[in-house]
Amino acid sequence: MTSFDRINRRAHLFLVLLPWVVMYGVSSFVISHHATWFKSDNPSAWEPVFERPFQKSIPEQANHSGETNRQQLRAVATEILRENGLEGAFYAERPNAGELRITRTTFFDQTRLTYSITDHKLRAERQRLTWDQVVLRLHTYTGHHQPLFRNRLWSFTVDLTCLTILLWIVSGIIMWWRMAKVRIWGAIALGGGIASFLLLVWRF
């Protein structure tokens, strides 16, 4: 029978999600030094894509706050994107009563749709993201609430990566505890890490 220690070691060395951990490690470093080291000096400009007559009924409730109204706004935005062949991850807002703004996002660019409710016109602009913006988007992207399967699959894999990190932590602690020769040094390292974390949290 396979021993518990062998199972624990194999779980600890399960590295199928290692690229995701590397991505979060690298992007976290970029985020930490973004303002001084990695921020692009020349962000890309918005480039016009099209401007065309367009008419869409916007529910009055979509102009107000509240979860139900936000859902109505997203439903209308989803229809507009579908009718213009731009389905995918997005967020929508009403900057004023006469305008609906939809930002369709990918990792490498974003498309901004501005629908003038009063003039019945739809304008689209595209902006290419700089490399540091791509890295930041990789780190912060969420997709459970987005319409396409690939967006939700990304978020599911992020959840799986988080669970894997917790598994690495638990299996590592078990391995350390069952190795009596290094238990004291492990306790010092673990205690020092916890103390430094609590000190920084308390000071900030």
N, C-alpha and C. Protein backbone atom coordinates (compact mmCIF):
# COMPACT_ATOMS: atom_id res chain seq x y z
N MET A 1 0.84 -1.20 0.00
CA MET A 1 0.00 0.00 0.00
C MET A 1 0.88 1.25 0.00
N THR A 2 0.51 2.20 -0.82
CA THR A 2 1.26 3.43 -0.88
C THR A 2 1.13 4.19 0.43
N SER A 3 2.26 4.61 0.99
CA SER A 3 2.24 5.29 2.27
C SER A 3 1.71 6.70 2.13
N PHE A 4 1.25 7.26 3.26
CA PHE A 4 0.74 8.63 3.26
C PHE A 4 1.83 9.61 2.84
N ASP A 5 3.07 9.40 3.32
CA ASP A 5 4.16 10.32 2.97
C ASP A 5 4.41 10.34 1.47
N ARG A 6 4.33 9.18 0.81
CA ARG A 6 4.55 9.14 -0.62
C ARG A 6 3.44 9.89 -1.36
N ILE A 7 2.21 9.69 -0.94
CA ILE A 7 1.09 10.40 -1.55
C ILE A 7 1.25 11.91 -1.36
N ASN A 8 1.66 12.31 -0.15
CA ASN A 8 1.82 13.72 0.15
C ASN A 8 2.93 14.34 -0.70
N ARG A 9 4.05 13.62 -0.87
CA ARG A 9 5.14 14.14 -1.69
C ARG A 9 4.72 14.28 -3.15
N ARG A 10 3.96 13.30 -3.64
CA ARG A 10 3.51 13.38 -5.02
C ARG A 10 2.55 14.54 -5.22
N ALA A 11 1.69 14.75 -4.23
CA ALA A 11 0.77 15.89 -4.30
C ALA A 11 1.55 17.20 -4.28
N HIS A 12 2.62 17.25 -3.48
CA HIS A 12 3.42 18.46 -3.36
C HIS A 12 4.15 18.77 -4.67
N LEU A 13 4.49 17.73 -5.43
CA LEU A 13 5.27 17.91 -6.66
C LEU A 13 4.39 17.92 -7.90
N PHE A 14 3.08 18.03 -7.73
CA PHE A 14 2.16 18.06 -8.86
C PHE A 14 2.23 19.44 -9.51
N LEU A 15 2.93 19.53 -10.66
CA LEU A 15 3.32 20.83 -11.20
C LEU A 15 2.58 21.20 -12.48
N VAL A 16 1.42 20.59 -12.74
CA VAL A 16 0.74 20.88 -14.01
C VAL A 16 0.33 22.35 -14.11
N LEU A 17 0.10 23.01 -12.96
CA LEU A 17 -0.31 24.40 -12.98
C LEU A 17 0.86 25.36 -12.69
N LEU A 18 2.10 24.84 -12.82
CA LEU A 18 3.27 25.68 -12.58
C LEU A 18 3.30 26.94 -13.46
N PRO A 19 2.95 26.86 -14.77
CA PRO A 19 2.95 28.10 -15.57
C PRO A 19 2.06 29.19 -15.00
N TRP A 20 0.94 28.82 -14.41
CA TRP A 20 0.06 29.81 -13.81
C TRP A 20 0.70 30.46 -12.59
N VAL A 21 1.39 29.64 -11.78
CA VAL A 21 2.07 30.18 -10.60
C VAL A 21 3.18 31.13 -11.03
N VAL A 22 3.93 30.75 -12.09
CA VAL A 22 4.98 31.63 -12.61
C VAL A 22 4.38 32.94 -13.10
N MET A 23 3.23 32.86 -13.80
CA MET A 23 2.58 34.07 -14.31
C MET A 23 2.20 35.00 -13.17
N TYR A 24 1.64 34.45 -12.08
CA TYR A 24 1.25 35.29 -10.95
C TYR A 24 2.48 35.85 -10.23
N GLY A 25 3.55 35.06 -10.16
CA GLY A 25 4.77 35.57 -9.53
C GLY A 25 5.37 36.72 -10.32
N VAL A 26 5.49 36.56 -11.64
CA VAL A 26 6.08 37.60 -12.48
C VAL A 26 5.19 38.84 -12.50
N SER A 27 3.88 38.64 -12.68
CA SER A 27 2.98 39.80 -12.76
C SER A 27 2.90 40.53 -11.42
N SER A 28 2.99 39.81 -10.31
CA SER A 28 3.00 40.47 -9.00
C SER A 28 4.22 41.37 -8.85
N PHE A 29 5.37 40.90 -9.37
CA PHE A 29 6.59 41.72 -9.32
C PHE A 29 6.42 42.97 -10.17
N VAL A 30 5.80 42.82 -11.36
CA VAL A 30 5.56 43.97 -12.22
C VAL A 30 4.61 44.95 -11.55
N ILE A 31 3.56 44.44 -10.91
CA ILE A 31 2.61 45.31 -10.22
C ILE A 31 3.30 46.07 -9.09
N SER A 32 4.16 45.39 -8.34
CA SER A 32 4.84 46.01 -7.21
C SER A 32 5.73 47.17 -7.65
N HIS A 33 6.33 47.06 -8.85
CA HIS A 33 7.25 48.09 -9.34
C HIS A 33 6.71 48.82 -10.57
N HIS A 34 5.40 48.76 -10.78
CA HIS A 34 4.83 49.28 -12.02
C HIS A 34 5.05 50.78 -12.18
N ALA A 35 4.87 51.52 -11.11
CA ALA A 35 4.93 52.98 -11.22
C ALA A 35 6.33 53.49 -11.55
N THR A 36 7.38 52.74 -11.14
CA THR A 36 8.75 53.24 -11.29
C THR A 36 9.55 52.52 -12.38
N TRP A 37 9.33 51.22 -12.56
CA TRP A 37 10.17 50.44 -13.46
C TRP A 37 9.49 50.03 -14.76
N PHE A 38 8.23 49.67 -14.68
CA PHE A 38 7.62 48.95 -15.80
C PHE A 38 6.49 49.69 -16.49
N LYS A 39 6.15 50.89 -16.08
CA LYS A 39 5.02 51.58 -16.68
C LYS A 39 5.41 52.14 -18.05
N SER A 40 4.60 51.84 -19.06
CA SER A 40 4.87 52.35 -20.41
C SER A 40 4.67 53.86 -20.46
N ASP A 41 5.59 54.53 -21.13
CA ASP A 41 5.51 56.00 -21.21
C ASP A 41 4.48 56.47 -22.24
N ASN A 42 4.24 55.64 -23.26
CA ASN A 42 3.36 56.06 -24.35
C ASN A 42 2.23 55.04 -24.55
N PRO A 43 1.16 55.18 -23.79
CA PRO A 43 0.03 54.28 -23.99
C PRO A 43 -0.57 54.45 -25.39
N SER A 44 -1.11 53.38 -25.92
CA SER A 44 -1.66 53.41 -27.27
C SER A 44 -2.89 54.30 -27.31
N ALA A 45 -3.06 54.97 -28.44
CA ALA A 45 -4.23 55.84 -28.62
C ALA A 45 -5.44 55.01 -29.06
N TRP A 46 -6.63 55.57 -28.85
CA TRP A 46 -7.84 54.94 -29.34
C TRP A 46 -7.95 55.19 -30.85
N GLU A 47 -8.13 54.11 -31.62
CA GLU A 47 -8.23 54.20 -33.07
C GLU A 47 -9.69 53.96 -33.49
N PRO A 48 -10.25 54.82 -34.36
CA PRO A 48 -11.64 54.61 -34.79
C PRO A 48 -11.78 53.32 -35.60
N VAL A 49 -12.87 52.60 -35.34
CA VAL A 49 -13.19 51.37 -36.08
C VAL A 49 -14.38 51.59 -36.99
N PHE A 50 -15.47 52.11 -36.44
CA PHE A 50 -16.62 52.44 -37.26
C PHE A 50 -17.52 53.40 -36.48
N GLU A 51 -18.39 54.07 -37.23
CA GLU A 51 -19.48 54.85 -36.66
C GLU A 51 -20.67 54.68 -37.60
N ARG A 52 -21.78 54.21 -37.08
CA ARG A 52 -22.91 53.86 -37.94
C ARG A 52 -24.23 54.17 -37.24
N PRO A 53 -25.29 54.36 -38.01
CA PRO A 53 -26.61 54.50 -37.41
C PRO A 53 -26.98 53.20 -36.69
N PHE A 54 -27.59 53.35 -35.54
CA PHE A 54 -27.94 52.16 -34.75
C PHE A 54 -29.07 52.56 -33.80
N GLN A 55 -30.00 51.64 -33.63
CA GLN A 55 -31.12 51.94 -32.74
C GLN A 55 -31.39 50.74 -31.86
N LYS A 56 -31.43 51.01 -30.57
CA LYS A 56 -31.66 49.95 -29.58
C LYS A 56 -32.45 50.52 -28.42
N SER A 57 -33.48 49.79 -28.03
CA SER A 57 -34.29 50.22 -26.89
C SER A 57 -33.54 49.93 -25.60
N ILE A 58 -33.37 50.96 -24.76
CA ILE A 58 -32.66 50.83 -23.49
C ILE A 58 -33.68 50.97 -22.36
N PRO A 59 -33.87 49.94 -21.53
CA PRO A 59 -34.81 50.05 -20.41
C PRO A 59 -34.44 51.20 -19.49
N GLU A 60 -35.41 51.93 -19.04
CA GLU A 60 -35.16 53.05 -18.15
C GLU A 60 -34.48 52.60 -16.87
N GLN A 61 -34.80 51.38 -16.42
CA GLN A 61 -34.21 50.88 -15.18
C GLN A 61 -32.70 50.72 -15.29
N ALA A 62 -32.20 50.54 -16.52
CA ALA A 62 -30.77 50.34 -16.71
C ALA A 62 -29.97 51.60 -16.45
N ASN A 63 -30.63 52.69 -16.16
CA ASN A 63 -29.96 53.95 -15.86
C ASN A 63 -29.78 54.15 -14.37
N HIS A 64 -30.19 53.18 -13.56
CA HIS A 64 -30.14 53.31 -12.11
C HIS A 64 -29.25 52.23 -11.51
N SER A 65 -28.91 52.42 -10.24
CA SER A 65 -28.06 51.45 -9.55
C SER A 65 -28.92 50.28 -9.06
N GLY A 66 -28.26 49.26 -8.53
CA GLY A 66 -28.97 48.08 -8.05
C GLY A 66 -28.62 46.88 -8.91
N GLU A 67 -28.62 45.68 -8.29
CA GLU A 67 -28.21 44.47 -8.98
C GLU A 67 -29.12 44.15 -10.17
N THR A 68 -30.43 44.28 -9.99
CA THR A 68 -31.35 43.98 -11.07
C THR A 68 -31.13 44.91 -12.27
N ASN A 69 -30.90 46.18 -12.00
CA ASN A 69 -30.67 47.15 -13.07
C ASN A 69 -29.34 46.91 -13.77
N ARG A 70 -28.33 46.50 -13.01
CA ARG A 70 -27.04 46.16 -13.63
C ARG A 70 -27.19 44.96 -14.56
N GLN A 71 -28.00 44.00 -14.15
CA GLN A 71 -28.23 42.83 -15.00
C GLN A 71 -28.94 43.23 -16.29
N GLN A 72 -29.90 44.14 -16.19
CA GLN A 72 -30.58 44.63 -17.39
C GLN A 72 -29.62 45.36 -18.31
N LEU A 73 -28.72 46.14 -17.72
CA LEU A 73 -27.74 46.87 -18.52
C LEU A 73 -26.81 45.90 -19.25
N ARG A 74 -26.37 44.85 -18.55
CA ARG A 74 -25.49 43.85 -19.17
C ARG A 74 -26.23 43.08 -20.26
N ALA A 75 -27.52 42.83 -20.04
CA ALA A 75 -28.30 42.11 -21.05
C ALA A 75 -28.38 42.92 -22.34
N VAL A 76 -28.64 44.23 -22.22
CA VAL A 76 -28.70 45.09 -23.40
C VAL A 76 -27.33 45.17 -24.07
N ALA A 77 -26.28 45.32 -23.27
CA ALA A 77 -24.92 45.40 -23.82
C ALA A 77 -24.55 44.10 -24.56
N THR A 78 -24.96 42.96 -24.00
CA THR A 78 -24.69 41.67 -24.66
C THR A 78 -25.35 41.62 -26.02
N GLU A 79 -26.57 42.11 -26.13
CA GLU A 79 -27.28 42.12 -27.42
C GLU A 79 -26.58 43.03 -28.42
N ILE A 80 -26.12 44.19 -27.97
CA ILE A 80 -25.44 45.13 -28.87
C ILE A 80 -24.14 44.50 -29.39
N LEU A 81 -23.39 43.88 -28.52
CA LEU A 81 -22.15 43.23 -28.94
C LEU A 81 -22.43 42.11 -29.93
N ARG A 82 -23.46 41.31 -29.65
CA ARG A 82 -23.79 40.20 -30.55
C ARG A 82 -24.21 40.71 -31.92
N GLU A 83 -25.00 41.76 -31.95
CA GLU A 83 -25.48 42.30 -33.22
C GLU A 83 -24.36 42.93 -34.04
N ASN A 84 -23.24 43.25 -33.40
CA ASN A 84 -22.11 43.86 -34.12
C ASN A 84 -20.91 42.93 -34.21
N GLY A 85 -21.12 41.64 -33.92
CA GLY A 85 -20.06 40.65 -34.06
C GLY A 85 -18.90 40.85 -33.11
N LEU A 86 -19.18 41.33 -31.90
CA LEU A 86 -18.12 41.63 -30.94
C LEU A 86 -18.35 40.92 -29.60
N GLU A 87 -18.91 39.73 -29.62
CA GLU A 87 -19.18 39.01 -28.39
C GLU A 87 -17.89 38.71 -27.63
N GLY A 88 -17.99 38.71 -26.33
CA GLY A 88 -16.84 38.40 -25.49
C GLY A 88 -16.93 39.11 -24.15
N ALA A 89 -15.83 39.10 -23.41
CA ALA A 89 -15.80 39.72 -22.08
C ALA A 89 -15.96 41.24 -22.21
N PHE A 90 -16.75 41.83 -21.31
CA PHE A 90 -17.01 43.26 -21.39
C PHE A 90 -17.49 43.78 -20.05
N TYR A 91 -17.48 45.09 -19.93
CA TYR A 91 -18.21 45.77 -18.86
C TYR A 91 -18.94 46.96 -19.47
N ALA A 92 -20.06 47.32 -18.86
CA ALA A 92 -20.94 48.36 -19.41
C ALA A 92 -21.26 49.39 -18.35
N GLU A 93 -21.49 50.61 -18.81
CA GLU A 93 -21.81 51.71 -17.90
C GLU A 93 -22.67 52.74 -18.61
N ARG A 94 -23.39 53.52 -17.80
CA ARG A 94 -24.18 54.64 -18.31
C ARG A 94 -23.57 55.92 -17.75
N PRO A 95 -22.62 56.56 -18.47
CA PRO A 95 -22.02 57.80 -17.96
C PRO A 95 -23.02 58.93 -17.83
N ASN A 96 -24.08 58.87 -18.65
CA ASN A 96 -25.16 59.84 -18.54
C ASN A 96 -26.41 59.22 -19.15
N ALA A 97 -27.54 59.91 -19.03
CA ALA A 97 -28.82 59.35 -19.46
C ALA A 97 -28.88 59.13 -20.97
N GLY A 98 -28.10 59.87 -21.74
CA GLY A 98 -28.18 59.77 -23.20
C GLY A 98 -27.12 58.90 -23.83
N GLU A 99 -26.36 58.14 -23.00
CA GLU A 99 -25.23 57.39 -23.57
C GLU A 99 -25.04 56.06 -22.85
N LEU A 100 -24.72 55.05 -23.62
CA LEU A 100 -24.35 53.74 -23.09
C LEU A 100 -22.96 53.42 -23.59
N ARG A 101 -22.07 53.04 -22.68
CA ARG A 101 -20.68 52.75 -23.05
C ARG A 101 -20.35 51.30 -22.70
N ILE A 102 -19.83 50.58 -23.67
CA ILE A 102 -19.46 49.17 -23.50
C ILE A 102 -17.98 49.03 -23.84
N THR A 103 -17.23 48.42 -22.96
CA THR A 103 -15.81 48.17 -23.24
C THR A 103 -15.60 46.67 -23.36
N ARG A 104 -15.31 46.23 -24.57
CA ARG A 104 -15.07 44.82 -24.89
C ARG A 104 -13.57 44.56 -24.73
N THR A 105 -13.20 43.58 -23.89
CA THR A 105 -11.80 43.41 -23.52
C THR A 105 -11.24 42.06 -23.97
N THR A 106 -9.97 42.06 -24.33
CA THR A 106 -9.17 40.85 -24.49
C THR A 106 -7.87 41.10 -23.72
N PHE A 107 -6.96 40.15 -23.76
CA PHE A 107 -5.68 40.35 -23.08
C PHE A 107 -4.79 41.36 -23.81
N PHE A 108 -5.04 41.58 -25.10
CA PHE A 108 -4.11 42.36 -25.89
C PHE A 108 -4.69 43.69 -26.39
N ASP A 109 -6.02 43.84 -26.34
CA ASP A 109 -6.61 45.10 -26.75
C ASP A 109 -7.98 45.26 -26.12
N GLN A 110 -8.58 46.41 -26.33
CA GLN A 110 -9.94 46.62 -25.88
C GLN A 110 -10.67 47.49 -26.91
N THR A 111 -11.95 47.21 -27.07
CA THR A 111 -12.78 47.94 -28.01
C THR A 111 -13.86 48.68 -27.22
N ARG A 112 -13.96 49.97 -27.43
CA ARG A 112 -14.94 50.79 -26.72
C ARG A 112 -16.09 51.14 -27.66
N LEU A 113 -17.28 50.71 -27.29
CA LEU A 113 -18.49 51.04 -28.04
C LEU A 113 -19.25 52.11 -27.29
N THR A 114 -19.57 53.18 -27.99
CA THR A 114 -20.34 54.27 -27.38
C THR A 114 -21.64 54.42 -28.17
N TYR A 115 -22.74 54.13 -27.50
CA TYR A 115 -24.04 54.24 -28.16
C TYR A 115 -24.74 55.51 -27.69
N SER A 116 -24.98 56.41 -28.65
CA SER A 116 -25.71 57.64 -28.36
C SER A 116 -27.20 57.33 -28.48
N ILE A 117 -27.88 57.32 -27.34
CA ILE A 117 -29.29 56.96 -27.32
C ILE A 117 -30.14 58.02 -28.00
N THR A 118 -29.74 59.28 -27.85
CA THR A 118 -30.52 60.38 -28.42
C THR A 118 -30.29 60.51 -29.93
N ASP A 119 -29.05 60.30 -30.38
CA ASP A 119 -28.73 60.45 -31.81
C ASP A 119 -28.86 59.14 -32.58
N HIS A 120 -29.04 58.01 -31.88
CA HIS A 120 -29.14 56.69 -32.51
C HIS A 120 -27.91 56.39 -33.37
N LYS A 121 -26.74 56.57 -32.75
CA LYS A 121 -25.48 56.27 -33.43
C LYS A 121 -24.61 55.40 -32.53
N LEU A 122 -23.85 54.51 -33.17
CA LEU A 122 -22.94 53.63 -32.44
C LEU A 122 -21.52 53.85 -32.96
N ARG A 123 -20.62 54.22 -32.07
CA ARG A 123 -19.23 54.46 -32.44
C ARG A 123 -18.33 53.44 -31.75
N ALA A 124 -17.40 52.88 -32.52
CA ALA A 124 -16.46 51.89 -31.99
C ALA A 124 -15.04 52.39 -32.14
N GLU A 125 -14.24 52.21 -31.09
CA GLU A 125 -12.82 52.58 -31.10
C GLU A 125 -12.03 51.44 -30.48
N ARG A 126 -10.82 51.24 -30.98
CA ARG A 126 -9.99 50.15 -30.46
C ARG A 126 -8.67 50.70 -29.95
N GLN A 127 -8.21 50.12 -28.84
CA GLN A 127 -6.92 50.50 -28.26
C GLN A 127 -6.08 49.26 -28.02
N ARG A 128 -4.87 49.25 -28.59
CA ARG A 128 -3.92 48.17 -28.33
C ARG A 128 -3.30 48.38 -26.95
N LEU A 129 -3.18 47.31 -26.19
CA LEU A 129 -2.61 47.43 -24.86
C LEU A 129 -1.10 47.33 -24.92
N THR A 130 -0.42 48.10 -24.08
CA THR A 130 1.03 47.99 -23.97
C THR A 130 1.37 46.73 -23.18
N TRP A 131 2.64 46.31 -23.24
CA TRP A 131 3.00 45.03 -22.65
C TRP A 131 2.73 44.98 -21.15
N ASP A 132 2.93 46.11 -20.44
CA ASP A 132 2.69 46.10 -19.01
C ASP A 132 1.19 46.01 -18.71
N GLN A 133 0.36 46.60 -19.57
CA GLN A 133 -1.08 46.46 -19.39
C GLN A 133 -1.53 45.02 -19.62
N VAL A 134 -0.89 44.33 -20.57
CA VAL A 134 -1.20 42.92 -20.80
C VAL A 134 -0.87 42.10 -19.56
N VAL A 135 0.30 42.35 -18.96
CA VAL A 135 0.69 41.61 -17.76
C VAL A 135 -0.29 41.87 -16.62
N LEU A 136 -0.68 43.12 -16.43
CA LEU A 136 -1.63 43.45 -15.37
C LEU A 136 -2.97 42.78 -15.62
N ARG A 137 -3.40 42.73 -16.87
CA ARG A 137 -4.69 42.10 -17.18
C ARG A 137 -4.62 40.59 -16.93
N LEU A 138 -3.52 39.96 -17.25
CA LEU A 138 -3.35 38.54 -16.96
C LEU A 138 -3.53 38.27 -15.47
N HIS A 139 -3.03 39.19 -14.65
CA HIS A 139 -3.07 39.00 -13.20
C HIS A 139 -4.46 39.23 -12.63
N THR A 140 -5.20 40.18 -13.19
CA THR A 140 -6.45 40.62 -12.56
C THR A 140 -7.70 40.15 -13.29
N TYR A 141 -7.55 39.47 -14.42
CA TYR A 141 -8.71 39.11 -15.22
C TYR A 141 -9.62 38.13 -14.49
N THR A 142 -10.92 38.39 -14.53
CA THR A 142 -11.93 37.47 -14.01
C THR A 142 -12.99 37.24 -15.07
N GLY A 143 -13.61 36.07 -15.06
CA GLY A 143 -14.54 35.78 -16.15
C GLY A 143 -15.77 34.99 -15.79
N HIS A 144 -16.00 34.72 -14.48
CA HIS A 144 -17.18 33.92 -14.12
C HIS A 144 -18.48 34.58 -14.57
N HIS A 145 -18.52 35.89 -14.61
CA HIS A 145 -19.74 36.61 -14.97
C HIS A 145 -19.79 36.97 -16.45
N GLN A 146 -18.80 36.52 -17.23
CA GLN A 146 -18.75 36.87 -18.64
C GLN A 146 -19.51 35.85 -19.49
N PRO A 147 -19.90 36.22 -20.72
CA PRO A 147 -20.84 35.39 -21.48
C PRO A 147 -20.25 34.15 -22.14
N LEU A 148 -18.95 34.16 -22.48
CA LEU A 148 -18.39 33.06 -23.26
C LEU A 148 -17.76 31.99 -22.38
N PHE A 149 -17.77 30.75 -22.86
CA PHE A 149 -17.23 29.63 -22.10
C PHE A 149 -15.74 29.81 -21.82
N ARG A 150 -15.00 30.33 -22.80
CA ARG A 150 -13.55 30.46 -22.61
C ARG A 150 -13.22 31.44 -21.49
N ASN A 151 -14.07 32.46 -21.29
CA ASN A 151 -13.85 33.39 -20.19
C ASN A 151 -14.05 32.69 -18.85
N ARG A 152 -15.11 31.90 -18.75
CA ARG A 152 -15.39 31.17 -17.50
C ARG A 152 -14.35 30.08 -17.26
N LEU A 153 -13.83 29.47 -18.35
CA LEU A 153 -12.79 28.45 -18.21
C LEU A 153 -11.53 29.06 -17.61
N TRP A 154 -11.17 30.28 -18.04
CA TRP A 154 -10.01 30.96 -17.46
C TRP A 154 -10.20 31.13 -15.95
N SER A 155 -11.38 31.60 -15.54
CA SER A 155 -11.63 31.82 -14.12
C SER A 155 -11.63 30.52 -13.34
N PHE A 156 -12.16 29.46 -13.96
CA PHE A 156 -12.13 28.14 -13.30
C PHE A 156 -10.69 27.69 -13.07
N THR A 157 -9.83 27.90 -14.06
CA THR A 157 -8.42 27.50 -13.93
C THR A 157 -7.73 28.35 -12.87
N VAL A 158 -8.09 29.63 -12.76
CA VAL A 158 -7.56 30.47 -11.69
C VAL A 158 -7.95 29.91 -10.33
N ASP A 159 -9.22 29.50 -10.18
CA ASP A 159 -9.67 28.88 -8.93
C ASP A 159 -8.88 27.62 -8.63
N LEU A 160 -8.65 26.82 -9.67
CA LEU A 160 -7.90 25.58 -9.50
C LEU A 160 -6.46 25.86 -9.09
N THR A 161 -5.88 26.92 -9.66
CA THR A 161 -4.52 27.32 -9.29
C THR A 161 -4.46 27.74 -7.82
N CYS A 162 -5.46 28.49 -7.36
CA CYS A 162 -5.50 28.90 -5.95
C CYS A 162 -5.58 27.70 -5.03
N LEU A 163 -6.42 26.73 -5.38
CA LEU A 163 -6.54 25.52 -4.57
C LEU A 163 -5.23 24.73 -4.58
N THR A 164 -4.54 24.72 -5.73
CA THR A 164 -3.27 24.01 -5.82
C THR A 164 -2.22 24.67 -4.93
N ILE A 165 -2.19 26.00 -4.89
CA ILE A 165 -1.25 26.70 -4.01
C ILE A 165 -1.52 26.33 -2.56
N LEU A 166 -2.78 26.27 -2.18
CA LEU A 166 -3.12 25.86 -0.80
C LEU A 166 -2.70 24.43 -0.55
N LEU A 167 -2.84 23.55 -1.56
CA LEU A 167 -2.39 22.16 -1.42
C LEU A 167 -0.88 22.10 -1.23
N TRP A 168 -0.14 22.90 -1.98
CA TRP A 168 1.32 22.95 -1.81
C TRP A 168 1.69 23.38 -0.39
N ILE A 169 0.96 24.37 0.13
CA ILE A 169 1.25 24.85 1.48
C ILE A 169 1.00 23.76 2.51
N VAL A 170 -0.17 23.14 2.44
CA VAL A 170 -0.52 22.12 3.42
C VAL A 170 0.42 20.92 3.33
N SER A 171 0.68 20.44 2.10
CA SER A 171 1.56 19.28 1.94
C SER A 171 2.98 19.61 2.37
N GLY A 172 3.43 20.86 2.12
CA GLY A 172 4.77 21.26 2.56
C GLY A 172 4.88 21.29 4.08
N ILE A 173 3.84 21.81 4.75
CA ILE A 173 3.86 21.83 6.21
C ILE A 173 3.88 20.41 6.77
N ILE A 174 3.11 19.50 6.16
CA ILE A 174 3.10 18.11 6.61
C ILE A 174 4.47 17.48 6.43
N MET A 175 5.11 17.71 5.26
CA MET A 175 6.44 17.17 5.01
C MET A 175 7.44 17.70 6.03
N TRP A 176 7.36 19.01 6.32
CA TRP A 176 8.27 19.59 7.30
C TRP A 176 8.06 18.96 8.68
N TRP A 177 6.83 18.81 9.10
CA TRP A 177 6.55 18.29 10.44
C TRP A 177 6.99 16.85 10.62
N ARG A 178 6.96 16.08 9.56
CA ARG A 178 7.31 14.66 9.64
C ARG A 178 8.81 14.43 9.45
N MET A 179 9.58 15.52 9.22
CA MET A 179 11.04 15.41 9.12
C MET A 179 11.63 16.02 10.39
N ALA A 180 11.85 15.18 11.40
CA ALA A 180 12.24 15.66 12.73
C ALA A 180 13.56 16.42 12.73
N LYS A 181 14.48 16.08 11.82
CA LYS A 181 15.80 16.69 11.83
C LYS A 181 15.76 18.18 11.48
N VAL A 182 14.78 18.59 10.72
CA VAL A 182 14.71 19.99 10.30
C VAL A 182 13.51 20.71 10.91
N ARG A 183 12.89 20.08 11.90
CA ARG A 183 11.66 20.66 12.45
C ARG A 183 11.92 22.01 13.11
N ILE A 184 13.05 22.15 13.81
CA ILE A 184 13.33 23.41 14.49
C ILE A 184 13.57 24.52 13.49
N TRP A 185 14.41 24.24 12.46
CA TRP A 185 14.67 25.27 11.46
C TRP A 185 13.40 25.64 10.69
N GLY A 186 12.57 24.64 10.41
CA GLY A 186 11.31 24.92 9.75
C GLY A 186 10.40 25.79 10.59
N ALA A 187 10.38 25.52 11.92
CA ALA A 187 9.56 26.32 12.82
C ALA A 187 10.05 27.77 12.86
N ILE A 188 11.37 27.96 12.84
CA ILE A 188 11.93 29.31 12.84
C ILE A 188 11.52 30.05 11.56
N ALA A 189 11.65 29.36 10.42
CA ALA A 189 11.29 29.98 9.14
C ALA A 189 9.80 30.31 9.09
N LEU A 190 8.97 29.35 9.52
CA LEU A 190 7.53 29.58 9.49
C LEU A 190 7.13 30.70 10.45
N GLY A 191 7.69 30.68 11.65
CA GLY A 191 7.38 31.72 12.63
C GLY A 191 7.83 33.09 12.15
N GLY A 192 9.02 33.15 11.52
CA GLY A 192 9.52 34.43 11.01
C GLY A 192 8.62 34.97 9.90
N GLY A 193 8.15 34.08 9.02
CA GLY A 193 7.26 34.52 7.95
C GLY A 193 5.94 35.05 8.49
N ILE A 194 5.36 34.34 9.45
CA ILE A 194 4.09 34.78 10.04
C ILE A 194 4.27 36.11 10.77
N ALA A 195 5.37 36.23 11.52
CA ALA A 195 5.61 37.46 12.29
C ALA A 195 5.80 38.66 11.37
N SER A 196 6.57 38.48 10.28
CA SER A 196 6.80 39.60 9.37
C SER A 196 5.50 40.01 8.68
N PHE A 197 4.66 39.04 8.32
CA PHE A 197 3.38 39.35 7.69
C PHE A 197 2.48 40.13 8.64
N LEU A 198 2.35 39.64 9.88
CA LEU A 198 1.48 40.31 10.84
C LEU A 198 2.01 41.72 11.17
N LEU A 199 3.33 41.86 11.24
CA LEU A 199 3.91 43.18 11.54
C LEU A 199 3.58 44.17 10.44
N LEU A 200 3.73 43.75 9.18
CA LEU A 200 3.45 44.66 8.06
C LEU A 200 1.97 45.01 8.01
N VAL A 201 1.09 44.02 8.22
CA VAL A 201 -0.34 44.28 8.22
C VAL A 201 -0.69 45.26 9.33
N TRP A 202 -0.11 45.09 10.50
CA TRP A 202 -0.40 45.95 11.63
C TRP A 202 0.10 47.38 11.39
N ARG A 203 1.28 47.51 10.77
CA ARG A 203 1.86 48.83 10.54
C ARG A 203 1.12 49.59 9.45
N PHE A 204 0.58 48.87 8.46
CA PHE A 204 -0.11 49.53 7.37
C PHE A 204 -1.60 49.70 7.66
